[in-house]
C-alpha atoms as a PDB file:
ATOM      1  CA  MET A   1     -50.959 115.387-123.844  1.00  0.00           C
ATOM      2  CA  PHE A   2     -49.377 118.523-122.396  1.00  0.00           C
ATOM      3  CA  ASP A   3     -50.393 120.513-119.278  1.00  0.00           C
ATOM      4  CA  LEU A   4     -51.613 123.969-120.241  1.00  0.00           C
ATOM      5  CA  LEU A   5     -49.501 125.759-117.566  1.00  0.00           C
ATOM      6  CA  SER A   6     -46.277 123.863-117.468  1.00  0.00           C
ATOM      7  CA  ARG A   7     -46.300 122.780-121.057  1.00  0.00           C
ATOM      8  CA  SER A   8     -44.911 119.512-119.788  1.00  0.00           C
ATOM      9  CA  PRO A   9     -46.187 116.127-120.755  1.00  0.00           C
ATOM     10  CA  VAL A  10     -48.523 114.421-118.285  1.00  0.00           C
ATOM     11  CA  THR A  11     -48.566 110.740-118.051  1.00  0.00           C
ATOM     12  CA  SER A  12     -51.556 108.772-117.050  1.00  0.00           C
ATOM     13  CA  ASP A  13     -49.696 106.979-114.199  1.00  0.00           C
ATOM     14  CA  ALA A  14     -48.972 109.567-111.386  1.00  0.00           C
ATOM     15  CA  ALA A  15     -46.046 109.110-108.957  1.00  0.00           C
ATOM     16  CA  PRO A  16     -47.100 107.449-105.685  1.00  0.00           C
ATOM     17  CA  ASP A  17     -47.392 109.648-102.497  1.00  0.00           C
ATOM     18  CA  ALA A  18     -44.314 109.673-100.239  1.00  0.00           C
ATOM     19  CA  GLN A  19     -46.429 108.824 -97.177  1.00  0.00           C
ATOM     20  CA  ASP A  20     -47.756 105.749 -98.878  1.00  0.00           C
ATOM     21  CA  GLN A  21     -44.300 104.467 -99.486  1.00  0.00           C
ATOM     22  CA  PRO A  22     -43.118 101.753 -97.082  1.00  0.00           C
ATOM     23  CA  LYS A  23     -40.570 102.943 -94.448  1.00  0.00           C
ATOM     24  CA  PRO A  24     -37.108 101.541 -94.583  1.00  0.00           C
ATOM     25  CA  PRO A  25     -36.378  98.976 -91.902  1.00  0.00           C
ATOM     26  CA  GLY A  26     -33.749 101.291 -90.294  1.00  0.00           C
ATOM     27  CA  VAL A  27     -36.268 104.103 -89.663  1.00  0.00           C
ATOM     28  CA  ARG A  28     -38.758 101.797 -87.948  1.00  0.00           C
ATOM     29  CA  ARG A  29     -35.966 100.329 -85.829  1.00  0.00           C
ATOM     30  CA  ARG A  30     -34.827 103.769 -84.688  1.00  0.00           C
ATOM     31  CA  ARG A  31     -38.373 104.717 -83.714  1.00  0.00           C
ATOM     32  CA  TRP A  32     -38.805 101.576 -81.662  1.00  0.00           C
ATOM     33  CA  VAL A  33     -35.460 102.170 -79.958  1.00  0.00           C
ATOM     34  CA  ALA A  34     -36.436 105.770 -79.129  1.00  0.00           C
ATOM     35  CA  ALA A  35     -39.771 104.640 -77.707  1.00  0.00           C
ATOM     36  CA  GLY A  36     -38.035 101.967 -75.645  1.00  0.00           C
ATOM     37  CA  VAL A  37     -35.470 104.427 -74.298  1.00  0.00           C
ATOM     38  CA  ALA A  38     -38.278 106.838 -73.333  1.00  0.00           C
ATOM     39  CA  ALA A  39     -40.119 104.030 -71.551  1.00  0.00           C
ATOM     40  CA  VAL A  40     -36.971 103.015 -69.669  1.00  0.00           C
ATOM     41  CA  ILE A  41     -36.316 106.605 -68.627  1.00  0.00           C
ATOM     42  CA  ALA A  42     -39.916 107.013 -67.440  1.00  0.00           C
ATOM     43  CA  PHE A  43     -39.643 103.739 -65.531  1.00  0.00           C
ATOM     44  CA  LEU A  44     -36.359 104.749 -63.900  1.00  0.00           C
ATOM     45  CA  TYR A  45     -37.820 108.127 -62.967  1.00  0.00           C
ATOM     46  CA  PHE A  46     -41.147 107.015 -61.539  1.00  0.00           C
ATOM     47  CA  ALA A  47     -40.741 103.387 -60.507  1.00  0.00           C
ATOM     48  CA  PRO A  48     -37.988 103.827 -57.882  1.00  0.00           C
ATOM     49  CA  GLY A  49     -40.226 106.339 -56.107  1.00  0.00           C
ATOM     50  CA  GLN A  50     -42.590 103.487 -55.347  1.00  0.00           C
ATOM     51  CA  PHE A  51     -39.895 101.663 -53.388  1.00  0.00           C
ATOM     52  CA  VAL A  52     -37.361 104.310 -52.368  1.00  0.00           C
ATOM     53  CA  ALA A  53     -37.873 107.839 -51.050  1.00  0.00           C
ATOM     54  CA  TYR A  54     -34.770 109.945 -51.515  1.00  0.00           C
ATOM     55  CA  THR A  55     -34.153 113.669 -51.395  1.00  0.00           C
ATOM     56  CA  GLU A  56     -31.220 116.016 -51.204  1.00  0.00           C
ATOM     57  CA  ASP A  57     -33.485 118.898 -50.245  1.00  0.00           C
ATOM     58  CA  ALA A  58     -33.001 118.459 -46.488  1.00  0.00           C
ATOM     59  CA  TYR A  59     -31.300 120.343 -43.708  1.00  0.00           C
ATOM     60  CA  VAL A  60     -30.435 120.030 -40.027  1.00  0.00           C
ATOM     61  CA  ARG A  61     -32.633 121.977 -37.660  1.00  0.00           C
ATOM     62  CA  SER A  62     -32.938 122.689 -33.956  1.00  0.00           C
ATOM     63  CA  ASP A  63     -34.738 125.259 -31.814  1.00  0.00           C
ATOM     64  CA  PHE A  64     -33.155 128.699 -31.941  1.00  0.00           C
ATOM     65  CA  VAL A  65     -33.951 130.512 -28.700  1.00  0.00           C
ATOM     66  CA  GLU A  66     -33.757 134.288 -28.733  1.00  0.00           C
ATOM     67  CA  VAL A  67     -33.027 135.625 -25.256  1.00  0.00           C
ATOM     68  CA  ALA A  68     -34.662 139.030 -24.813  1.00  0.00           C
ATOM     69  CA  PRO A  69     -34.655 141.089 -21.593  1.00  0.00           C
ATOM     70  CA  GLU A  70     -37.832 141.824 -19.672  1.00  0.00           C
ATOM     71  CA  VAL A  71     -36.408 145.108 -18.406  1.00  0.00           C
ATOM     72  CA  ALA A  72     -34.584 147.957 -20.102  1.00  0.00           C
ATOM     73  CA  GLY A  73     -31.192 149.245 -19.057  1.00  0.00           C
ATOM     74  CA  VAL A  74     -27.494 149.445 -19.755  1.00  0.00           C
ATOM     75  CA  VAL A  75     -25.612 146.148 -20.124  1.00  0.00           C
ATOM     76  CA  VAL A  76     -22.830 146.123 -17.520  1.00  0.00           C
ATOM     77  CA  ARG A  77     -21.495 142.600 -18.018  1.00  0.00           C
ATOM     78  CA  VAL A  78     -21.402 139.876 -20.702  1.00  0.00           C
ATOM     79  CA  ASP A  79     -20.605 136.447 -19.277  1.00  0.00           C
ATOM     80  CA  VAL A  80     -20.321 134.381 -22.470  1.00  0.00           C
ATOM     81  CA  ALA A  81     -18.319 134.367 -25.671  1.00  0.00           C
ATOM     82  CA  ASN A  82     -19.362 133.698 -29.237  1.00  0.00           C
ATOM     83  CA  ASP A  83     -19.981 129.997 -30.057  1.00  0.00           C
ATOM     84  CA  GLN A  84     -19.601 129.061 -26.380  1.00  0.00           C
ATOM     85  CA  LYS A  85     -21.488 126.049 -25.076  1.00  0.00           C
ATOM     86  CA  VAL A  86     -23.713 126.871 -22.111  1.00  0.00           C
ATOM     87  CA  ALA A  87     -25.853 124.856 -19.743  1.00  0.00           C
ATOM     88  CA  ALA A  88     -29.420 125.690 -18.841  1.00  0.00           C
ATOM     89  CA  GLY A  89     -29.418 128.413 -16.193  1.00  0.00           C
ATOM     90  CA  ALA A  90     -25.885 129.598 -16.971  1.00  0.00           C
ATOM     91  CA  PRO A  91     -25.394 133.390 -16.690  1.00  0.00           C
ATOM     92  CA  LEU A  92     -25.319 135.196 -20.020  1.00  0.00           C
ATOM     93  CA  ALA A  93     -25.263 138.914 -19.266  1.00  0.00           C
ATOM     94  CA  ALA A  94     -26.307 141.481 -16.677  1.00  0.00           C
ATOM     95  CA  ILE A  95     -28.163 144.791 -16.887  1.00  0.00           C
ATOM     96  CA  ASP A  96     -27.335 147.605 -14.464  1.00  0.00           C
ATOM     97  CA  PRO A  97     -29.376 146.719 -11.342  1.00  0.00           C
ATOM     98  CA  GLN A  98     -28.992 150.046  -9.483  1.00  0.00           C
ATOM     99  CA  PRO A  99     -32.166 151.740 -10.824  1.00  0.00           C
ATOM    100  CA  PHE A 100     -34.211 148.692  -9.845  1.00  0.00           C
ATOM    101  CA  GLU A 101     -32.597 148.505  -6.392  1.00  0.00           C
ATOM    102  CA  LEU A 102     -33.469 152.163  -5.790  1.00  0.00           C
ATOM    103  CA  ALA A 103     -37.037 151.558  -6.944  1.00  0.00           C
ATOM    104  CA  ALA A 104     -37.343 148.651  -4.496  1.00  0.00           C
ATOM    105  CA  GLU A 105     -35.996 150.795  -1.634  1.00  0.00           C
ATOM    106  CA  LEU A 106     -38.464 153.584  -2.444  1.00  0.00           C
ATOM    107  CA  THR A 107     -41.352 151.139  -2.499  1.00  0.00           C
ATOM    108  CA  GLN A 108     -40.232 149.723   0.856  1.00  0.00           C
ATOM    109  CA  LYS A 109     -40.420 153.238   2.346  1.00  0.00           C
ATOM    110  CA  ARG A 110     -43.911 153.596   0.936  1.00  0.00           C
ATOM    111  CA  ILE A 111     -44.861 150.345   2.663  1.00  0.00           C
ATOM    112  CA  ASP A 112     -43.500 151.629   5.965  1.00  0.00           C
ATOM    113  CA  GLU A 113     -45.394 154.911   5.586  1.00  0.00           C
ATOM    114  CA  ALA A 114     -48.646 153.181   4.661  1.00  0.00           C
ATOM    115  CA  ALA A 115     -48.231 150.755   7.561  1.00  0.00           C
ATOM    116  CA  SER A 116     -47.754 153.680   9.984  1.00  0.00           C
ATOM    117  CA  VAL A 117     -50.915 155.367   8.700  1.00  0.00           C
ATOM    118  CA  ALA A 118     -52.848 152.094   9.017  1.00  0.00           C
ATOM    119  CA  LYS A 119     -51.569 151.623  12.568  1.00  0.00           C
ATOM    120  CA  ALA A 120     -52.663 155.141  13.554  1.00  0.00           C
ATOM    121  CA  LYS A 121     -56.099 154.568  12.068  1.00  0.00           C
ATOM    122  CA  GLN A 122     -56.436 151.294  13.943  1.00  0.00           C
ATOM    123  CA  GLU A 123     -55.407 152.971  17.201  1.00  0.00           C
ATOM    124  CA  LYS A 124     -58.009 155.675  16.605  1.00  0.00           C
ATOM    125  CA  ALA A 125     -60.577 152.929  16.040  1.00  0.00           C
ATOM    126  CA  ARG A 126     -59.773 151.455  19.454  1.00  0.00           C
ATOM    127  CA  VAL A 127     -60.179 154.899  21.081  1.00  0.00           C
ATOM    128  CA  LEU A 128     -63.512 155.420  19.354  1.00  0.00           C
ATOM    129  CA  ALA A 129     -64.644 151.975  20.465  1.00  0.00           C
ATOM    130  CA  ALA A 130     -63.871 152.908  24.087  1.00  0.00           C
ATOM    131  CA  ASP A 131     -65.743 156.200  23.661  1.00  0.00           C
ATOM    132  CA  LEU A 132     -68.681 154.297  22.233  1.00  0.00           C
ATOM    133  CA  ASP A 133     -68.796 152.020  25.265  1.00  0.00           C
ATOM    134  CA  ALA A 134     -68.767 155.042  27.563  1.00  0.00           C
ATOM    135  CA  ALA A 135     -71.506 156.754  25.539  1.00  0.00           C
ATOM    136  CA  ARG A 136     -73.674 153.662  25.671  1.00  0.00           C
ATOM    137  CA  ALA A 137     -73.170 153.523  29.435  1.00  0.00           C
ATOM    138  CA  GLY A 138     -74.279 157.163  29.535  1.00  0.00           C
ATOM    139  CA  ILE A 139     -77.451 156.219  27.687  1.00  0.00           C
ATOM    140  CA  THR A 140     -78.176 153.576  30.314  1.00  0.00           C
ATOM    141  CA  LEU A 141     -77.646 156.069  33.100  1.00  0.00           C
ATOM    142  CA  ALA A 142     -79.737 158.739  31.375  1.00  0.00           C
ATOM    143  CA  LYS A 143     -82.510 156.233  30.828  1.00  0.00           C
ATOM    144  CA  LYS A 144     -82.586 155.349  34.523  1.00  0.00           C
ATOM    145  CA  ASP A 145     -82.638 159.060  35.492  1.00  0.00           C
ATOM    146  CA  TYR A 146     -85.507 159.579  33.079  1.00  0.00           C
ATOM    147  CA  GLU A 147     -87.499 156.693  34.517  1.00  0.00           C
ATOM    148  CA  ARG A 148     -86.891 157.883  38.096  1.00  0.00           C
ATOM    149  CA  SER A 149     -87.805 161.482  37.305  1.00  0.00           C
ATOM    150  CA  SER A 150     -90.904 160.349  35.449  1.00  0.00           C
ATOM    151  CA  ALA A 151     -92.063 158.353  38.495  1.00  0.00           C
ATOM    152  CA  LEU A 152     -91.413 161.276  40.872  1.00  0.00           C
ATOM    153  CA  VAL A 153     -93.251 163.678  38.601  1.00  0.00           C
ATOM    154  CA  ASN A 154     -96.215 161.339  38.455  1.00  0.00           C
ATOM    155  CA  ASP A 155     -96.203 161.167  42.262  1.00  0.00           C
ATOM    156  CA  ARG A 156     -95.898 164.977  42.367  1.00  0.00           C
ATOM    157  CA  VAL A 157     -92.741 164.686  44.417  1.00  0.00           C
ATOM    158  CA  VAL A 158     -90.599 166.816  42.031  1.00  0.00           C
ATOM    159  CA  ALA A 159     -91.445 169.454  39.525  1.00  0.00           C
ATOM    160  CA  GLN A 160     -91.815 168.892  35.746  1.00  0.00           C
ATOM    161  CA  VAL A 161     -88.529 170.622  35.143  1.00  0.00           C
ATOM    162  CA  SER A 162     -86.629 167.671  36.596  1.00  0.00           C
ATOM    163  CA  LEU A 163     -88.244 165.395  34.019  1.00  0.00           C
ATOM    164  CA  ASP A 164     -87.378 167.823  31.221  1.00  0.00           C
ATOM    165  CA  ARG A 165     -83.721 167.797  32.283  1.00  0.00           C
ATOM    166  CA  ALA A 166     -83.742 163.975  32.282  1.00  0.00           C
ATOM    167  CA  VAL A 167     -85.240 163.931  28.776  1.00  0.00           C
ATOM    168  CA  THR A 168     -82.574 166.340  27.526  1.00  0.00           C
ATOM    169  CA  ALA A 169     -79.770 164.316  29.121  1.00  0.00           C
ATOM    170  CA  ARG A 170     -81.087 161.103  27.574  1.00  0.00           C
ATOM    171  CA  GLN A 171     -81.244 162.714  24.124  1.00  0.00           C
ATOM    172  CA  LYS A 172     -77.687 164.038  24.447  1.00  0.00           C
ATOM    173  CA  SER A 173     -76.494 160.523  25.293  1.00  0.00           C
ATOM    174  CA  LEU A 174     -78.292 159.126  22.260  1.00  0.00           C
ATOM    175  CA  ASP A 175     -76.770 161.812  20.012  1.00  0.00           C
ATOM    176  CA  ALA A 176     -73.303 161.125  21.409  1.00  0.00           C
ATOM    177  CA  VAL A 177     -73.633 157.427  20.641  1.00  0.00           C
ATOM    178  CA  ALA A 178     -74.844 158.156  17.097  1.00  0.00           C
ATOM    179  CA  GLU A 179     -71.941 160.559  16.524  1.00  0.00           C
ATOM    180  CA  ILE A 180     -69.337 158.071  17.737  1.00  0.00           C
ATOM    181  CA  GLU A 181     -70.855 155.278  15.632  1.00  0.00           C
ATOM    182  CA  ALA A 182     -70.650 157.513  12.544  1.00  0.00           C
ATOM    183  CA  ARG A 183     -67.035 158.365  13.342  1.00  0.00           C
ATOM    184  CA  LEU A 184     -66.339 154.661  13.760  1.00  0.00           C
ATOM    185  CA  GLN A 185     -67.785 153.925  10.335  1.00  0.00           C
ATOM    186  CA  VAL A 186     -65.647 156.638   8.752  1.00  0.00           C
ATOM    187  CA  ASN A 187     -62.605 155.352  10.604  1.00  0.00           C
ATOM    188  CA  ALA A 188     -63.303 151.793   9.465  1.00  0.00           C
ATOM    189  CA  GLY A 189     -63.207 152.988   5.854  1.00  0.00           C
ATOM    190  CA  GLU A 190     -59.958 154.838   6.519  1.00  0.00           C
ATOM    191  CA  VAL A 191     -58.432 151.734   8.126  1.00  0.00           C
ATOM    192  CA  ALA A 192     -59.469 149.605   5.140  1.00  0.00           C
ATOM    193  CA  ALA A 193     -57.988 152.145   2.715  1.00  0.00           C
ATOM    194  CA  ALA A 194     -54.741 152.299   4.706  1.00  0.00           C
ATOM    195  CA  LEU A 195     -54.439 148.513   4.810  1.00  0.00           C
ATOM    196  CA  ALA A 196     -55.163 148.359   1.064  1.00  0.00           C
ATOM    197  CA  ALA A 197     -52.408 150.919   0.472  1.00  0.00           C
ATOM    198  CA  VAL A 198     -50.035 148.671   2.396  1.00  0.00           C
ATOM    199  CA  GLU A 199     -50.979 145.654   0.269  1.00  0.00           C
ATOM    200  CA  ILE A 200     -50.627 147.654  -2.954  1.00  0.00           C
ATOM    201  CA  ALA A 201     -47.199 148.847  -1.901  1.00  0.00           C
ATOM    202  CA  ARG A 202     -46.180 145.288  -1.039  1.00  0.00           C
ATOM    203  CA  ALA A 203     -47.327 144.099  -4.468  1.00  0.00           C
ATOM    204  CA  GLU A 204     -45.323 146.900  -6.081  1.00  0.00           C
ATOM    205  CA  LEU A 205     -42.301 145.867  -4.022  1.00  0.00           C
ATOM    206  CA  ALA A 206     -42.683 142.275  -5.243  1.00  0.00           C
ATOM    207  CA  LEU A 207     -42.837 143.598  -8.813  1.00  0.00           C
ATOM    208  CA  ASP A 208     -39.747 145.755  -8.227  1.00  0.00           C
ATOM    209  CA  ARG A 209     -37.876 142.762  -6.857  1.00  0.00           C
ATOM    210  CA  TYR A 210     -38.969 140.684  -9.840  1.00  0.00           C
ATOM    211  CA  ARG A 211     -37.683 143.362 -12.221  1.00  0.00           C
ATOM    212  CA  LEU A 212     -34.441 143.411 -10.246  1.00  0.00           C
ATOM    213  CA  SER A 213     -34.092 139.652 -10.685  1.00  0.00           C
ATOM    214  CA  ARG A 214     -34.670 140.044 -14.449  1.00  0.00           C
ATOM    215  CA  THR A 215     -31.531 142.160 -14.772  1.00  0.00           C
ATOM    216  CA  ARG A 216     -29.582 138.895 -14.823  1.00  0.00           C
ATOM    217  CA  LEU A 217     -30.011 137.052 -18.135  1.00  0.00           C
ATOM    218  CA  THR A 218     -29.590 133.274 -17.975  1.00  0.00           C
ATOM    219  CA  ALA A 219     -29.682 130.520 -20.574  1.00  0.00           C
ATOM    220  CA  PRO A 220     -33.186 128.997 -20.809  1.00  0.00           C
ATOM    221  CA  VAL A 221     -31.898 125.883 -22.621  1.00  0.00           C
ATOM    222  CA  PRO A 222     -28.572 124.117 -23.020  1.00  0.00           C
ATOM    223  CA  GLY A 223     -26.860 124.871 -26.293  1.00  0.00           C
ATOM    224  CA  TYR A 224     -24.456 127.119 -28.127  1.00  0.00           C
ATOM    225  CA  VAL A 225     -24.322 130.916 -28.139  1.00  0.00           C
ATOM    226  CA  THR A 226     -24.391 131.967 -31.788  1.00  0.00           C
ATOM    227  CA  ASN A 227     -23.481 135.193 -33.577  1.00  0.00           C
ATOM    228  CA  LEU A 228     -22.890 137.125 -30.351  1.00  0.00           C
ATOM    229  CA  SER A 229     -22.389 140.871 -30.783  1.00  0.00           C
ATOM    230  CA  LEU A 230     -23.480 142.097 -27.334  1.00  0.00           C
ATOM    231  CA  ARG A 231     -20.973 144.261 -25.482  1.00  0.00           C
ATOM    232  CA  PRO A 232     -20.949 146.068 -22.102  1.00  0.00           C
ATOM    233  CA  GLY A 233     -22.401 149.531 -22.533  1.00  0.00           C
ATOM    234  CA  ASP A 234     -25.088 148.459 -25.010  1.00  0.00           C
ATOM    235  CA  PHE A 235     -28.595 149.562 -24.092  1.00  0.00           C
ATOM    236  CA  ALA A 236     -31.032 146.683 -23.708  1.00  0.00           C
ATOM    237  CA  LYS A 237     -34.650 147.227 -24.733  1.00  0.00           C
ATOM    238  CA  VAL A 238     -37.605 145.225 -23.493  1.00  0.00           C
ATOM    239  CA  GLY A 239     -38.447 142.377 -25.846  1.00  0.00           C
ATOM    240  CA  VAL A 240     -35.517 142.968 -28.210  1.00  0.00           C
ATOM    241  CA  PRO A 241     -33.336 139.809 -28.441  1.00  0.00           C
ATOM    242  CA  LEU A 242     -29.756 140.216 -27.262  1.00  0.00           C
ATOM    243  CA  ILE A 243     -28.386 136.659 -27.385  1.00  0.00           C
ATOM    244  CA  GLY A 244     -29.276 133.660 -29.565  1.00  0.00           C
ATOM    245  CA  ILE A 245     -28.826 130.056 -28.443  1.00  0.00           C
ATOM    246  CA  VAL A 246     -29.035 126.952 -30.621  1.00  0.00           C
ATOM    247  CA  ASP A 247     -30.712 124.294 -28.474  1.00  0.00           C
ATOM    248  CA  ASP A 248     -28.427 121.271 -28.223  1.00  0.00           C
ATOM    249  CA  THR A 249     -31.232 118.889 -27.245  1.00  0.00           C
ATOM    250  CA  ARG A 250     -33.722 119.377 -30.095  1.00  0.00           C
ATOM    251  CA  TRP A 251     -31.796 118.265 -33.183  1.00  0.00           C
ATOM    252  CA  ARG A 252     -33.839 117.013 -36.113  1.00  0.00           C
ATOM    253  CA  VAL A 253     -33.778 116.998 -39.884  1.00  0.00           C
ATOM    254  CA  VAL A 254     -36.419 118.558 -42.106  1.00  0.00           C
ATOM    255  CA  ALA A 255     -36.647 116.982 -45.561  1.00  0.00           C
ATOM    256  CA  ASN A 256     -38.764 118.306 -48.422  1.00  0.00           C
ATOM    257  CA  PHE A 257     -40.240 115.394 -50.402  1.00  0.00           C
ATOM    258  CA  LYS A 258     -42.341 115.479 -53.544  1.00  0.00           C
ATOM    259  CA  GLU A 259     -46.049 115.334 -52.944  1.00  0.00           C
ATOM    260  CA  TYR A 260     -46.579 111.785 -54.199  1.00  0.00           C
ATOM    261  CA  VAL A 261     -43.651 110.586 -52.065  1.00  0.00           C
ATOM    262  CA  ALA A 262     -44.697 112.431 -48.892  1.00  0.00           C
ATOM    263  CA  SER A 263     -48.215 111.003 -49.185  1.00  0.00           C
ATOM    264  CA  ARG A 264     -46.810 107.493 -48.619  1.00  0.00           C
ATOM    265  CA  LEU A 265     -44.693 108.348 -45.582  1.00  0.00           C
ATOM    266  CA  GLN A 266     -45.939 107.638 -42.081  1.00  0.00           C
ATOM    267  CA  PRO A 267     -44.577 108.536 -38.628  1.00  0.00           C
ATOM    268  CA  GLY A 268     -42.322 105.818 -37.277  1.00  0.00           C
ATOM    269  CA  MET A 269     -40.860 104.749 -40.628  1.00  0.00           C
ATOM    270  CA  ARG A 270     -37.186 103.893 -40.611  1.00  0.00           C
ATOM    271  CA  ALA A 271     -34.900 106.350 -42.393  1.00  0.00           C
ATOM    272  CA  TRP A 272     -31.233 107.024 -43.003  1.00  0.00           C
ATOM    273  CA  ILE A 273     -29.565 110.417 -42.843  1.00  0.00           C
ATOM    274  CA  TRP A 274     -26.438 111.499 -44.679  1.00  0.00           C
ATOM    275  CA  LEU A 275     -24.979 114.711 -43.253  1.00  0.00           C
ATOM    276  CA  ASP A 276     -22.797 116.738 -45.568  1.00  0.00           C
ATOM    277  CA  SER A 277     -20.814 117.797 -42.497  1.00  0.00           C
ATOM    278  CA  HIS A 278     -20.005 114.105 -41.875  1.00  0.00           C
ATOM    279  CA  PRO A 279     -19.900 112.408 -45.294  1.00  0.00           C
ATOM    280  CA  TRP A 280     -19.729 108.660 -45.808  1.00  0.00           C
ATOM    281  CA  ARG A 281     -21.584 108.057 -42.593  1.00  0.00           C
ATOM    282  CA  LEU A 282     -25.255 107.125 -42.302  1.00  0.00           C
ATOM    283  CA  PHE A 283     -27.253 107.948 -39.164  1.00  0.00           C
ATOM    284  CA  PRO A 284     -30.396 105.948 -38.368  1.00  0.00           C
ATOM    285  CA  ALA A 285     -33.544 108.010 -37.936  1.00  0.00           C
ATOM    286  CA  ARG A 286     -37.317 107.804 -37.749  1.00  0.00           C
ATOM    287  CA  VAL A 287     -40.024 109.802 -39.447  1.00  0.00           C
ATOM    288  CA  ALA A 288     -41.396 111.995 -36.687  1.00  0.00           C
ATOM    289  CA  SER A 289     -44.130 113.811 -38.606  1.00  0.00           C
ATOM    290  CA  VAL A 290     -45.333 114.643 -42.099  1.00  0.00           C
ATOM    291  CA  GLY A 291     -46.364 118.200 -42.799  1.00  0.00           C
ATOM    292  CA  ARG A 292     -50.001 118.797 -43.663  1.00  0.00           C
ATOM    293  CA  GLY A 293     -49.626 122.039 -45.526  1.00  0.00           C
ATOM    294  CA  VAL A 294     -47.296 124.503 -47.190  1.00  0.00           C
ATOM    295  CA  SER A 295     -47.809 128.141 -48.030  1.00  0.00           C
ATOM    296  CA  ARG A 296     -48.092 129.091 -51.687  1.00  0.00           C
ATOM    297  CA  ASN A 297     -47.239 132.674 -50.842  1.00  0.00           C
ATOM    298  CA  PRO A 298     -43.637 133.431 -49.862  1.00  0.00           C
ATOM    299  CA  GLU A 299     -44.809 136.564 -48.073  1.00  0.00           C
ATOM    300  CA  ALA A 300     -47.113 134.678 -45.712  1.00  0.00           C
ATOM    301  CA  GLY A 301     -46.491 134.325 -42.005  1.00  0.00           C
ATOM    302  CA  ARG A 302     -44.020 131.932 -40.427  1.00  0.00           C
ATOM    303  CA  LEU A 303     -46.664 129.595 -39.029  1.00  0.00           C
ATOM    304  CA  LEU A 304     -47.079 127.828 -42.386  1.00  0.00           C
ATOM    305  CA  PRO A 305     -43.790 126.862 -44.096  1.00  0.00           C
ATOM    306  CA  TYR A 306     -43.022 127.957 -47.621  1.00  0.00           C
ATOM    307  CA  VAL A 307     -41.055 125.651 -49.930  1.00  0.00           C
ATOM    308  CA  ALA A 308     -39.958 127.270 -53.177  1.00  0.00           C
ATOM    309  CA  PRO A 309     -41.289 125.289 -56.191  1.00  0.00           C
ATOM    310  CA  THR A 310     -38.583 126.588 -58.550  1.00  0.00           C
ATOM    311  CA  THR A 311     -34.877 125.917 -58.833  1.00  0.00           C
ATOM    312  CA  ASP A 312     -32.713 127.689 -61.418  1.00  0.00           C
ATOM    313  CA  TRP A 313     -35.837 128.891 -63.252  1.00  0.00           C
ATOM    314  CA  ILE A 314     -37.215 125.345 -63.497  1.00  0.00           C
ATOM    315  CA  ARG A 315     -40.570 124.794 -61.888  1.00  0.00           C
ATOM    316  CA  LEU A 316     -40.670 121.708 -59.707  1.00  0.00           C
ATOM    317  CA  SER A 317     -43.515 119.822 -58.155  1.00  0.00           C
ATOM    318  CA  ARG A 318     -44.552 120.956 -54.714  1.00  0.00           C
ATOM    319  CA  ARG A 319     -42.494 119.738 -51.786  1.00  0.00           C
ATOM    320  CA  ILE A 320     -43.972 118.730 -48.431  1.00  0.00           C
ATOM    321  CA  PRO A 321     -41.770 119.082 -45.330  1.00  0.00           C
ATOM    322  CA  VAL A 322     -41.164 115.861 -43.395  1.00  0.00           C
ATOM    323  CA  THR A 323     -39.498 115.955 -39.969  1.00  0.00           C
ATOM    324  CA  LEU A 324     -37.136 113.160 -38.961  1.00  0.00           C
ATOM    325  CA  SER A 325     -35.838 112.565 -35.464  1.00  0.00           C
ATOM    326  CA  PHE A 326     -32.442 111.044 -34.840  1.00  0.00           C
ATOM    327  CA  ASP A 327     -29.969 110.701 -32.009  1.00  0.00           C
ATOM    328  CA  PRO A 328     -26.442 111.350 -33.249  1.00  0.00           C
ATOM    329  CA  ALA A 329     -23.429 110.318 -31.258  1.00  0.00           C
ATOM    330  CA  SER A 330     -22.324 112.801 -28.622  1.00  0.00           C
ATOM    331  CA  GLU A 331     -18.994 113.328 -30.343  1.00  0.00           C
ATOM    332  CA  VAL A 332     -20.654 114.354 -33.619  1.00  0.00           C
ATOM    333  CA  PRO A 333     -21.005 118.150 -33.818  1.00  0.00           C
ATOM    334  CA  LEU A 334     -24.156 119.336 -35.539  1.00  0.00           C
ATOM    335  CA  PHE A 335     -24.790 122.621 -37.296  1.00  0.00           C
ATOM    336  CA  MET A 336     -28.192 124.217 -37.602  1.00  0.00           C
ATOM    337  CA  GLY A 337     -29.040 124.762 -41.265  1.00  0.00           C
ATOM    338  CA  ALA A 338     -26.437 122.290 -42.579  1.00  0.00           C
ATOM    339  CA  ASP A 339     -27.339 120.221 -45.648  1.00  0.00           C
ATOM    340  CA  ALA A 340     -28.477 116.624 -45.380  1.00  0.00           C
ATOM    341  CA  ARG A 341     -29.742 113.800 -47.579  1.00  0.00           C
ATOM    342  CA  ILE A 342     -32.506 111.381 -46.677  1.00  0.00           C
ATOM    343  CA  LEU A 343     -33.136 107.807 -47.751  1.00  0.00           C
ATOM    344  CA  ILE A 344     -36.337 105.983 -46.827  1.00  0.00           C
ATOM    345  CA  PHE A 345     -37.709 102.631 -47.950  1.00  0.00           C
ATOM    346  CA  PRO A 346     -41.510 103.073 -47.667  1.00  0.00           C
END
């Protein structure tokens, strides 16, 4: 029998399907070997993480203190050099103090003037107090004259006009006392204002002296002056850093571990640090803290750290920063930002 299209003979026994044919022993062996190699690779990749925490994504860190002036002015002296080691309280630079000295002298003159005014007002208050005593004595005398004249008028010894004069004199004494009391009240307010002006001027003098003391910049922490570019003649602005110091007492290492590794780390765990600046030497350390969050936005603020999840266009799993504390030997120089490697046995 022939097929109508191909004109070729068709046999009743068709060729068996290739998928139904048994695989050669070599193909099956190669598949098993490939599966075994994949399993070994997966084991070597994931299993060590259950017993060893290791990362090369670590760096040395300390506190970087930016010294900014509290007053503005021309820098007249720089007392340190670049990369110089300084102690806490060591002089760093000085701003021209003359404008602040003149301001303090002017405020002192204002204090003297205000004190003179207050003294004059107080002296006037003493004079008014004496006048008030005299006026009150006049009231007493006028009252007695009134009582005596009233008795004589009742007895028809003197005329009514004598009583009228006594009434007028008593009223004048009362008016004089009222006037002096009012003047005393006004003077008391003037004395209080003058004394307040003295206190305000004294407070301004204290502020001027404080500003004068801020013209001398000192090191807030012991460490190393870094990247110094300040020169005499530069103009210092308030709040703009002039000198940077790497704190020599706050050394630590920040290591970025994978999420599943960081989740098993706890503060106090023993660790070992390899510094690329001092190879072939391991420094003992302890896990100080494990970060509880990272920013997913590189443009976010500095309060939440950002760890890039990509390296050479390869996306990596998220890294969590872990801080390790260690106490290197005094003769070992450390560099902020230097690379490090961390080994931990959770």
